[in-house]
N, C-alpha and C. Protein backbone atom coordinates (compact mmCIF):
# COMPACT_ATOMS: atom_id res chain seq x y z
N UNK A 1 -14.81 -4.04 -8.36
CA UNK A 1 -14.72 -3.45 -9.65
C UNK A 1 -13.38 -3.82 -10.31
N UNK A 2 -13.44 -4.13 -11.62
CA UNK A 2 -12.26 -4.49 -12.38
C UNK A 2 -11.40 -3.39 -12.63
N UNK A 3 -10.16 -3.55 -12.48
CA UNK A 3 -9.10 -2.55 -12.79
C UNK A 3 -8.78 -2.60 -14.24
N UNK A 4 -8.27 -1.54 -14.77
CA UNK A 4 -7.86 -1.53 -16.20
C UNK A 4 -6.38 -1.95 -16.41
N UNK A 5 -5.60 -2.27 -15.33
CA UNK A 5 -4.22 -2.57 -15.56
C UNK A 5 -4.04 -4.11 -15.34
N UNK A 6 -3.34 -4.78 -16.24
CA UNK A 6 -3.03 -6.13 -16.15
C UNK A 6 -2.25 -6.63 -14.89
N UNK A 7 -1.53 -5.64 -14.20
CA UNK A 7 -0.75 -6.04 -13.10
C UNK A 7 -1.62 -6.25 -11.78
N UNK A 8 -2.95 -6.03 -11.96
CA UNK A 8 -3.85 -6.32 -10.84
C UNK A 8 -4.54 -7.72 -10.96
N UNK A 9 -4.14 -8.52 -12.01
CA UNK A 9 -4.74 -9.77 -12.32
C UNK A 9 -3.74 -10.92 -12.22
N UNK A 10 -4.23 -12.03 -12.03
CA UNK A 10 -3.35 -13.23 -12.19
C UNK A 10 -3.22 -13.70 -13.64
N UNK A 11 -2.02 -13.98 -14.10
CA UNK A 11 -1.80 -14.39 -15.36
C UNK A 11 -1.35 -15.82 -15.31
N UNK A 12 -1.95 -16.80 -15.95
CA UNK A 12 -1.55 -18.23 -15.82
C UNK A 12 -1.28 -18.60 -17.34
N UNK A 13 -0.01 -19.18 -17.51
CA UNK A 13 0.40 -19.84 -18.74
C UNK A 13 -0.36 -21.16 -18.74
N UNK A 14 -1.03 -21.54 -19.87
CA UNK A 14 -1.63 -22.81 -19.91
C UNK A 14 -1.37 -23.50 -21.25
N UNK A 15 -1.40 -24.84 -21.19
CA UNK A 15 -1.21 -25.60 -22.40
C UNK A 15 -2.36 -26.75 -22.57
N UNK A 16 -2.77 -27.09 -23.62
CA UNK A 16 -3.68 -28.21 -23.78
C UNK A 16 -3.18 -29.10 -24.82
N UNK A 17 -3.26 -30.39 -24.68
CA UNK A 17 -2.79 -31.31 -25.66
C UNK A 17 -4.03 -32.39 -25.94
N UNK A 18 -5.15 -32.12 -25.31
CA UNK A 18 -6.28 -32.97 -25.51
C UNK A 18 -7.29 -32.40 -26.45
N UNK A 19 -8.23 -31.60 -25.96
CA UNK A 19 -9.16 -30.97 -26.82
C UNK A 19 -8.66 -30.02 -27.94
N UNK A 20 -7.79 -29.19 -27.40
CA UNK A 20 -7.01 -28.24 -28.36
C UNK A 20 -5.62 -28.71 -28.16
N UNK A 21 -4.79 -28.32 -29.10
CA UNK A 21 -3.35 -28.61 -29.02
C UNK A 21 -2.61 -27.30 -29.24
N UNK A 22 -2.20 -26.78 -28.01
CA UNK A 22 -1.42 -25.48 -28.15
C UNK A 22 -1.08 -24.96 -26.78
N UNK A 23 -0.90 -23.64 -26.78
CA UNK A 23 -0.44 -23.03 -25.56
C UNK A 23 -1.07 -21.64 -25.49
N UNK A 24 -1.27 -21.01 -24.35
CA UNK A 24 -1.92 -19.81 -24.24
C UNK A 24 -1.74 -19.15 -22.84
N UNK A 25 -2.39 -18.09 -22.64
CA UNK A 25 -2.62 -17.39 -21.34
C UNK A 25 -3.98 -17.36 -20.85
N UNK A 26 -4.19 -17.32 -19.55
CA UNK A 26 -5.47 -17.12 -18.98
C UNK A 26 -5.38 -15.88 -18.03
N UNK A 27 -6.29 -14.92 -18.00
CA UNK A 27 -6.31 -13.76 -17.12
C UNK A 27 -7.49 -14.04 -16.10
N UNK A 28 -7.09 -13.99 -14.90
CA UNK A 28 -7.98 -14.28 -13.72
C UNK A 28 -8.06 -13.12 -12.85
N UNK A 29 -9.27 -12.96 -12.27
CA UNK A 29 -9.47 -11.93 -11.21
C UNK A 29 -10.09 -12.79 -10.04
N UNK A 30 -9.39 -12.79 -8.89
CA UNK A 30 -9.88 -13.50 -7.75
C UNK A 30 -10.11 -14.94 -8.28
N UNK A 31 -11.32 -15.43 -8.21
CA UNK A 31 -11.55 -16.84 -8.61
C UNK A 31 -12.22 -17.05 -9.85
N UNK A 32 -12.18 -16.02 -10.75
CA UNK A 32 -12.88 -16.03 -12.03
C UNK A 32 -11.92 -15.83 -13.22
N UNK A 33 -12.08 -16.74 -14.14
CA UNK A 33 -11.34 -16.54 -15.44
C UNK A 33 -12.04 -15.54 -16.25
N UNK A 34 -11.29 -14.58 -16.85
CA UNK A 34 -11.87 -13.41 -17.57
C UNK A 34 -11.56 -13.68 -19.09
N UNK A 35 -10.30 -13.94 -19.33
CA UNK A 35 -9.77 -13.97 -20.73
C UNK A 35 -8.95 -15.17 -20.93
N UNK A 36 -9.04 -15.80 -22.12
CA UNK A 36 -8.12 -16.76 -22.57
C UNK A 36 -7.62 -16.42 -23.92
N UNK A 37 -6.31 -16.36 -24.12
CA UNK A 37 -5.78 -16.22 -25.44
C UNK A 37 -4.99 -17.44 -25.80
N UNK A 38 -5.21 -17.96 -26.87
CA UNK A 38 -4.68 -19.38 -27.17
C UNK A 38 -4.16 -19.53 -28.48
N UNK A 39 -2.97 -20.07 -28.70
CA UNK A 39 -2.37 -20.45 -29.97
C UNK A 39 -2.65 -22.06 -30.27
N UNK A 40 -3.58 -22.22 -31.19
CA UNK A 40 -3.91 -23.56 -31.43
C UNK A 40 -3.03 -24.11 -32.57
N UNK A 41 -2.18 -25.07 -32.22
CA UNK A 41 -1.17 -25.61 -33.17
C UNK A 41 -1.79 -26.63 -34.11
N UNK A 42 -2.90 -27.10 -33.73
CA UNK A 42 -3.72 -28.06 -34.68
C UNK A 42 -4.33 -27.34 -35.64
N UNK A 43 -5.02 -26.34 -35.36
CA UNK A 43 -5.77 -25.41 -36.42
C UNK A 43 -4.90 -24.39 -37.03
N UNK A 44 -3.78 -24.11 -36.36
CA UNK A 44 -2.87 -23.11 -36.75
C UNK A 44 -3.63 -21.69 -36.78
N UNK A 45 -4.06 -21.34 -35.64
CA UNK A 45 -4.73 -19.97 -35.47
C UNK A 45 -4.68 -19.54 -33.98
N UNK A 46 -5.08 -18.29 -33.81
CA UNK A 46 -5.05 -17.71 -32.49
C UNK A 46 -6.45 -17.34 -32.15
N UNK A 47 -6.74 -17.53 -30.85
CA UNK A 47 -8.24 -17.16 -30.52
C UNK A 47 -8.22 -16.41 -29.21
N UNK A 48 -9.17 -15.49 -29.04
CA UNK A 48 -9.28 -14.90 -27.74
C UNK A 48 -10.79 -15.17 -27.23
N UNK A 49 -10.97 -15.73 -26.16
CA UNK A 49 -12.27 -16.00 -25.49
C UNK A 49 -12.44 -15.06 -24.32
N UNK A 50 -13.49 -14.43 -24.26
CA UNK A 50 -13.90 -13.50 -23.17
C UNK A 50 -14.95 -14.18 -22.43
N UNK A 51 -14.70 -14.40 -21.21
CA UNK A 51 -15.68 -15.16 -20.22
C UNK A 51 -16.57 -14.23 -19.53
N UNK A 52 -16.34 -12.89 -19.56
CA UNK A 52 -17.19 -11.82 -19.02
C UNK A 52 -17.71 -10.85 -20.09
N UNK A 53 -19.03 -10.53 -19.98
CA UNK A 53 -19.59 -9.83 -21.05
C UNK A 53 -18.94 -8.36 -21.34
N UNK A 54 -18.41 -7.72 -20.25
CA UNK A 54 -17.90 -6.44 -20.60
C UNK A 54 -16.54 -6.25 -19.77
N UNK A 55 -15.41 -6.02 -20.50
CA UNK A 55 -14.15 -5.87 -19.87
C UNK A 55 -13.54 -4.57 -20.36
N UNK A 56 -12.57 -3.92 -19.56
CA UNK A 56 -12.04 -2.67 -20.04
C UNK A 56 -11.11 -3.07 -21.28
N UNK A 57 -11.22 -2.14 -22.20
CA UNK A 57 -10.34 -2.28 -23.40
C UNK A 57 -8.93 -2.31 -23.10
N UNK A 58 -8.56 -1.52 -22.19
CA UNK A 58 -7.13 -1.54 -21.73
C UNK A 58 -6.55 -2.91 -21.28
N UNK A 59 -7.44 -3.67 -20.57
CA UNK A 59 -7.08 -4.90 -20.02
C UNK A 59 -6.92 -5.90 -21.19
N UNK A 60 -7.86 -5.81 -22.24
CA UNK A 60 -7.75 -6.70 -23.30
C UNK A 60 -6.48 -6.39 -24.13
N UNK A 61 -6.23 -5.12 -24.37
CA UNK A 61 -4.97 -4.74 -25.10
C UNK A 61 -3.72 -5.25 -24.43
N UNK A 62 -3.57 -5.00 -23.08
CA UNK A 62 -2.42 -5.48 -22.33
C UNK A 62 -2.34 -6.86 -22.32
N UNK A 63 -3.40 -7.64 -22.26
CA UNK A 63 -3.42 -9.09 -22.26
C UNK A 63 -2.85 -9.62 -23.64
N UNK A 64 -3.26 -8.98 -24.71
CA UNK A 64 -2.78 -9.38 -26.00
C UNK A 64 -1.25 -9.04 -26.14
N UNK A 65 -0.82 -7.93 -25.64
CA UNK A 65 0.72 -7.65 -25.60
C UNK A 65 1.37 -8.65 -24.86
N UNK A 66 0.89 -8.99 -23.66
CA UNK A 66 1.59 -10.01 -22.72
C UNK A 66 1.64 -11.27 -23.54
N UNK A 67 0.59 -11.70 -24.16
CA UNK A 67 0.51 -12.97 -24.91
C UNK A 67 1.61 -12.93 -25.99
N UNK A 68 1.68 -11.84 -26.83
CA UNK A 68 2.73 -11.71 -27.89
C UNK A 68 4.07 -11.86 -27.28
N UNK A 69 4.33 -11.28 -26.11
CA UNK A 69 5.67 -11.34 -25.61
C UNK A 69 6.07 -12.73 -24.89
N UNK A 70 5.11 -13.36 -24.41
CA UNK A 70 5.46 -14.63 -23.59
C UNK A 70 5.20 -15.86 -24.55
N UNK A 71 4.38 -15.88 -25.41
CA UNK A 71 4.04 -17.19 -26.13
C UNK A 71 4.71 -16.97 -27.59
N UNK A 72 5.54 -18.02 -27.92
CA UNK A 72 6.12 -18.06 -29.25
C UNK A 72 5.00 -17.96 -30.50
N UNK A 73 5.34 -17.30 -31.42
CA UNK A 73 4.38 -17.17 -32.53
C UNK A 73 4.31 -18.34 -33.49
N UNK A 74 5.40 -19.15 -33.48
CA UNK A 74 5.51 -20.30 -34.42
C UNK A 74 4.66 -21.40 -34.00
N UNK A 75 3.86 -22.04 -34.80
CA UNK A 75 3.06 -23.15 -34.58
C UNK A 75 3.94 -24.38 -34.39
N UNK A 76 3.62 -25.17 -33.40
CA UNK A 76 4.28 -26.41 -33.15
C UNK A 76 3.70 -27.62 -33.89
N UNK A 77 4.29 -28.44 -34.60
CA UNK A 77 3.77 -29.61 -35.30
C UNK A 77 4.21 -30.88 -34.65
């Protein structure tokens, strides 16, 4: 069963310069990616991808707060 607290998950900082150009975080539980939050410098936008149909709202909210704290908001050109 998934916990509601981000501390029970693995958080991975990720960057991509091929398909997308930017940086973000991935939230993993055991061997499964659950959430990706990404700053796309090419498109100058932010996206959230959920890889699981249903997740606790608290987990999504904490993930967004973690992203805002760890990832610079300015787009890189």
